[in-house]
């Protein structure tokens, strides 16, 4: 389980997700992929290292503020 957004930053950056200067205080619509990654990963049980692949999946989402869990899972997101 990942509890801090700073831990997700490396995976997000490697996946090509734009990161705000302040990882905790930002406008979600300005950083929608980062926002989605945090919502889906922080505080969630997961297998070790799953956040690396999940960041790759989220980076490819065209409309991160509209995507459903089912669509994420179908794209390869690990819950």
N, C-alpha and C. Protein backbone atom coordinates (compact mmCIF):
# COMPACT_ATOMS: atom_id res chain seq x y z
N UNK A 1 0.84 -1.17 0.00
CA UNK A 1 0.00 0.00 0.00
C UNK A 1 0.89 1.24 0.00
N UNK A 2 0.54 2.19 -0.83
CA UNK A 2 1.27 3.46 -0.89
C UNK A 2 0.44 4.52 -0.18
N UNK A 3 1.07 5.22 0.74
CA UNK A 3 0.35 6.21 1.54
C UNK A 3 0.73 7.65 1.23
N UNK A 4 1.83 7.86 0.51
CA UNK A 4 2.30 9.22 0.25
C UNK A 4 2.39 9.48 -1.26
N UNK A 5 1.90 10.61 -1.73
CA UNK A 5 1.97 10.89 -3.16
C UNK A 5 3.40 10.96 -3.68
N UNK A 6 4.34 11.34 -2.83
CA UNK A 6 5.75 11.42 -3.26
C UNK A 6 6.27 10.07 -3.75
N UNK A 7 5.74 8.99 -3.22
CA UNK A 7 6.17 7.66 -3.62
C UNK A 7 5.70 7.34 -5.05
N UNK A 8 4.60 7.93 -5.46
CA UNK A 8 4.07 7.71 -6.81
C UNK A 8 4.77 8.56 -7.86
N UNK A 9 5.46 9.60 -7.45
CA UNK A 9 6.02 10.57 -8.38
C UNK A 9 6.98 9.95 -9.39
N UNK A 10 7.85 9.05 -8.97
CA UNK A 10 8.82 8.44 -9.89
C UNK A 10 8.11 7.61 -10.96
N UNK A 11 7.12 6.84 -10.56
CA UNK A 11 6.37 6.02 -11.53
C UNK A 11 5.60 6.91 -12.49
N UNK A 12 5.00 7.97 -11.97
CA UNK A 12 4.25 8.89 -12.82
C UNK A 12 5.18 9.58 -13.82
N UNK A 13 6.29 10.05 -13.35
CA UNK A 13 7.25 10.74 -14.21
C UNK A 13 7.77 9.82 -15.31
N UNK A 14 8.12 8.59 -14.94
CA UNK A 14 8.61 7.63 -15.92
C UNK A 14 7.55 7.31 -16.98
N UNK A 15 6.27 7.34 -16.58
CA UNK A 15 5.18 7.05 -17.50
C UNK A 15 4.83 8.26 -18.38
N UNK A 16 5.41 9.41 -18.06
CA UNK A 16 5.12 10.60 -18.85
C UNK A 16 3.97 11.44 -18.32
N UNK A 17 3.58 11.21 -17.09
CA UNK A 17 2.50 11.98 -16.47
C UNK A 17 3.07 13.28 -15.94
N UNK A 18 2.42 14.39 -16.29
CA UNK A 18 2.86 15.71 -15.81
C UNK A 18 2.60 15.81 -14.31
N UNK A 19 3.60 16.32 -13.61
CA UNK A 19 3.50 16.46 -12.15
C UNK A 19 3.45 17.92 -11.75
N UNK A 20 2.61 18.26 -10.77
CA UNK A 20 2.60 19.63 -10.26
C UNK A 20 3.83 19.87 -9.38
N UNK A 21 4.17 21.11 -9.16
CA UNK A 21 5.29 21.44 -8.28
C UNK A 21 5.01 20.96 -6.86
N UNK A 22 3.77 21.12 -6.41
CA UNK A 22 3.36 20.66 -5.08
C UNK A 22 2.48 19.42 -5.29
N UNK A 23 3.00 18.26 -4.97
CA UNK A 23 2.31 17.00 -5.24
C UNK A 23 1.03 16.80 -4.44
N UNK A 24 0.86 17.57 -3.39
CA UNK A 24 -0.32 17.42 -2.54
C UNK A 24 -1.37 18.50 -2.74
N UNK A 25 -0.95 19.67 -3.16
CA UNK A 25 -1.86 20.80 -3.35
C UNK A 25 -1.75 21.29 -4.79
N UNK A 26 -2.74 20.93 -5.59
CA UNK A 26 -2.72 21.26 -7.01
C UNK A 26 -4.16 21.29 -7.50
N UNK A 27 -4.36 21.81 -8.68
CA UNK A 27 -5.69 21.85 -9.30
C UNK A 27 -5.86 20.55 -10.10
N UNK A 28 -6.82 19.68 -9.69
CA UNK A 28 -7.00 18.40 -10.38
C UNK A 28 -7.21 18.50 -11.89
N UNK A 29 -7.92 19.52 -12.35
CA UNK A 29 -8.15 19.63 -13.79
C UNK A 29 -6.89 20.03 -14.55
N UNK A 30 -5.91 20.61 -13.85
CA UNK A 30 -4.64 20.97 -14.49
C UNK A 30 -3.70 19.77 -14.59
N UNK A 31 -3.88 18.80 -13.73
CA UNK A 31 -3.06 17.58 -13.70
C UNK A 31 -3.96 16.35 -13.57
N UNK A 32 -4.81 16.10 -14.57
CA UNK A 32 -5.81 15.04 -14.44
C UNK A 32 -5.24 13.63 -14.33
N UNK A 33 -4.15 13.34 -15.03
CA UNK A 33 -3.56 12.00 -14.94
C UNK A 33 -2.95 11.78 -13.56
N UNK A 34 -2.27 12.79 -13.05
CA UNK A 34 -1.69 12.70 -11.71
C UNK A 34 -2.80 12.52 -10.67
N UNK A 35 -3.87 13.27 -10.84
CA UNK A 35 -5.01 13.17 -9.92
C UNK A 35 -5.61 11.76 -9.95
N UNK A 36 -5.81 11.22 -11.13
CA UNK A 36 -6.37 9.87 -11.26
C UNK A 36 -5.44 8.84 -10.64
N UNK A 37 -4.16 8.96 -10.89
CA UNK A 37 -3.19 8.01 -10.31
C UNK A 37 -3.27 8.04 -8.78
N UNK A 38 -3.34 9.22 -8.20
CA UNK A 38 -3.43 9.31 -6.74
C UNK A 38 -4.74 8.69 -6.22
N UNK A 39 -5.84 9.02 -6.87
CA UNK A 39 -7.13 8.48 -6.43
C UNK A 39 -7.12 6.95 -6.46
N UNK A 40 -6.54 6.40 -7.51
CA UNK A 40 -6.58 4.95 -7.69
C UNK A 40 -5.52 4.21 -6.88
N UNK A 41 -4.45 4.86 -6.47
CA UNK A 41 -3.36 4.14 -5.82
C UNK A 41 -3.16 4.42 -4.34
N UNK A 42 -3.34 5.65 -3.91
CA UNK A 42 -3.06 5.97 -2.51
C UNK A 42 -4.00 5.23 -1.58
N UNK A 43 -3.42 4.54 -0.62
CA UNK A 43 -4.19 3.84 0.39
C UNK A 43 -4.84 2.55 -0.07
N UNK A 44 -4.53 2.10 -1.27
CA UNK A 44 -5.14 0.88 -1.81
C UNK A 44 -4.17 -0.29 -1.70
N UNK A 45 -4.67 -1.45 -1.27
CA UNK A 45 -3.79 -2.61 -1.27
C UNK A 45 -3.43 -2.98 -2.71
N UNK A 46 -2.19 -3.39 -2.93
CA UNK A 46 -1.76 -3.79 -4.28
C UNK A 46 -0.54 -4.69 -4.17
N UNK A 47 -0.30 -5.40 -5.22
CA UNK A 47 0.89 -6.24 -5.25
C UNK A 47 2.12 -5.33 -5.39
N UNK A 48 3.27 -5.78 -4.89
CA UNK A 48 4.48 -4.95 -4.96
C UNK A 48 4.80 -4.54 -6.40
N UNK A 49 5.04 -3.27 -6.59
CA UNK A 49 5.42 -2.77 -7.90
C UNK A 49 4.28 -2.51 -8.87
N UNK A 50 3.05 -2.81 -8.49
CA UNK A 50 1.92 -2.62 -9.41
C UNK A 50 1.75 -1.16 -9.81
N UNK A 51 2.17 -0.25 -8.94
CA UNK A 51 1.99 1.18 -9.26
C UNK A 51 2.81 1.60 -10.48
N UNK A 52 3.88 0.91 -10.79
CA UNK A 52 4.67 1.25 -11.98
C UNK A 52 3.87 0.98 -13.25
N UNK A 53 3.28 -0.21 -13.34
CA UNK A 53 2.47 -0.54 -14.52
C UNK A 53 1.19 0.28 -14.54
N UNK A 54 0.58 0.48 -13.39
CA UNK A 54 -0.66 1.25 -13.33
C UNK A 54 -0.44 2.69 -13.80
N UNK A 55 0.71 3.26 -13.50
CA UNK A 55 1.02 4.61 -13.98
C UNK A 55 1.09 4.62 -15.50
N UNK A 56 1.64 3.57 -16.09
CA UNK A 56 1.72 3.46 -17.56
C UNK A 56 0.31 3.40 -18.15
N UNK A 57 -0.56 2.64 -17.53
CA UNK A 57 -1.95 2.52 -18.01
C UNK A 57 -2.64 3.87 -17.93
N UNK A 58 -2.52 4.55 -16.80
CA UNK A 58 -3.18 5.84 -16.62
C UNK A 58 -2.63 6.89 -17.58
N UNK A 59 -1.35 6.84 -17.85
CA UNK A 59 -0.74 7.82 -18.76
C UNK A 59 -1.36 7.74 -20.16
N UNK A 60 -1.88 6.59 -20.54
CA UNK A 60 -2.45 6.39 -21.87
C UNK A 60 -3.95 6.73 -21.95
N UNK A 61 -4.57 7.01 -20.81
CA UNK A 61 -6.00 7.32 -20.79
C UNK A 61 -6.24 8.68 -21.44
N UNK A 62 -7.16 8.71 -22.41
CA UNK A 62 -7.42 9.95 -23.13
C UNK A 62 -8.20 10.97 -22.30
N UNK A 63 -9.17 10.50 -21.53
CA UNK A 63 -10.00 11.40 -20.72
C UNK A 63 -9.97 10.92 -19.27
N UNK A 64 -8.91 11.26 -18.54
CA UNK A 64 -8.75 10.74 -17.18
C UNK A 64 -9.84 11.17 -16.19
N UNK A 65 -10.52 12.26 -16.46
CA UNK A 65 -11.57 12.71 -15.54
C UNK A 65 -12.90 12.03 -15.83
N UNK A 66 -12.94 11.20 -16.88
CA UNK A 66 -14.18 10.53 -17.26
C UNK A 66 -14.07 9.01 -17.29
N UNK A 67 -12.87 8.47 -17.14
CA UNK A 67 -12.66 7.03 -17.25
C UNK A 67 -13.32 6.29 -16.09
N UNK A 68 -13.78 5.08 -16.37
CA UNK A 68 -14.39 4.24 -15.32
C UNK A 68 -13.38 3.20 -14.84
N UNK A 69 -13.64 2.63 -13.70
CA UNK A 69 -12.78 1.56 -13.17
C UNK A 69 -12.75 0.40 -14.16
N UNK A 70 -13.88 0.05 -14.70
CA UNK A 70 -13.94 -1.06 -15.66
C UNK A 70 -13.04 -0.80 -16.86
N UNK A 71 -13.06 0.42 -17.37
CA UNK A 71 -12.21 0.77 -18.51
C UNK A 71 -10.72 0.69 -18.13
N UNK A 72 -10.40 1.12 -16.93
CA UNK A 72 -9.00 1.02 -16.47
C UNK A 72 -8.55 -0.43 -16.38
N UNK A 73 -9.40 -1.27 -15.80
CA UNK A 73 -9.06 -2.69 -15.65
C UNK A 73 -8.90 -3.33 -17.03
N UNK A 74 -9.78 -3.00 -17.94
CA UNK A 74 -9.69 -3.56 -19.31
C UNK A 74 -8.40 -3.09 -20.01
N UNK A 75 -7.89 -1.94 -19.62
CA UNK A 75 -6.65 -1.42 -20.21
C UNK A 75 -5.40 -2.00 -19.54
N UNK A 76 -5.58 -2.77 -18.47
CA UNK A 76 -4.44 -3.42 -17.82
C UNK A 76 -4.15 -2.94 -16.42
N UNK A 77 -4.99 -2.06 -15.88
CA UNK A 77 -4.80 -1.56 -14.50
C UNK A 77 -5.03 -2.70 -13.52
N UNK A 78 -4.11 -2.84 -12.58
CA UNK A 78 -4.21 -3.89 -11.56
C UNK A 78 -4.84 -3.33 -10.30
N UNK A 79 -5.91 -3.95 -9.87
CA UNK A 79 -6.58 -3.53 -8.63
C UNK A 79 -6.20 -4.43 -7.50
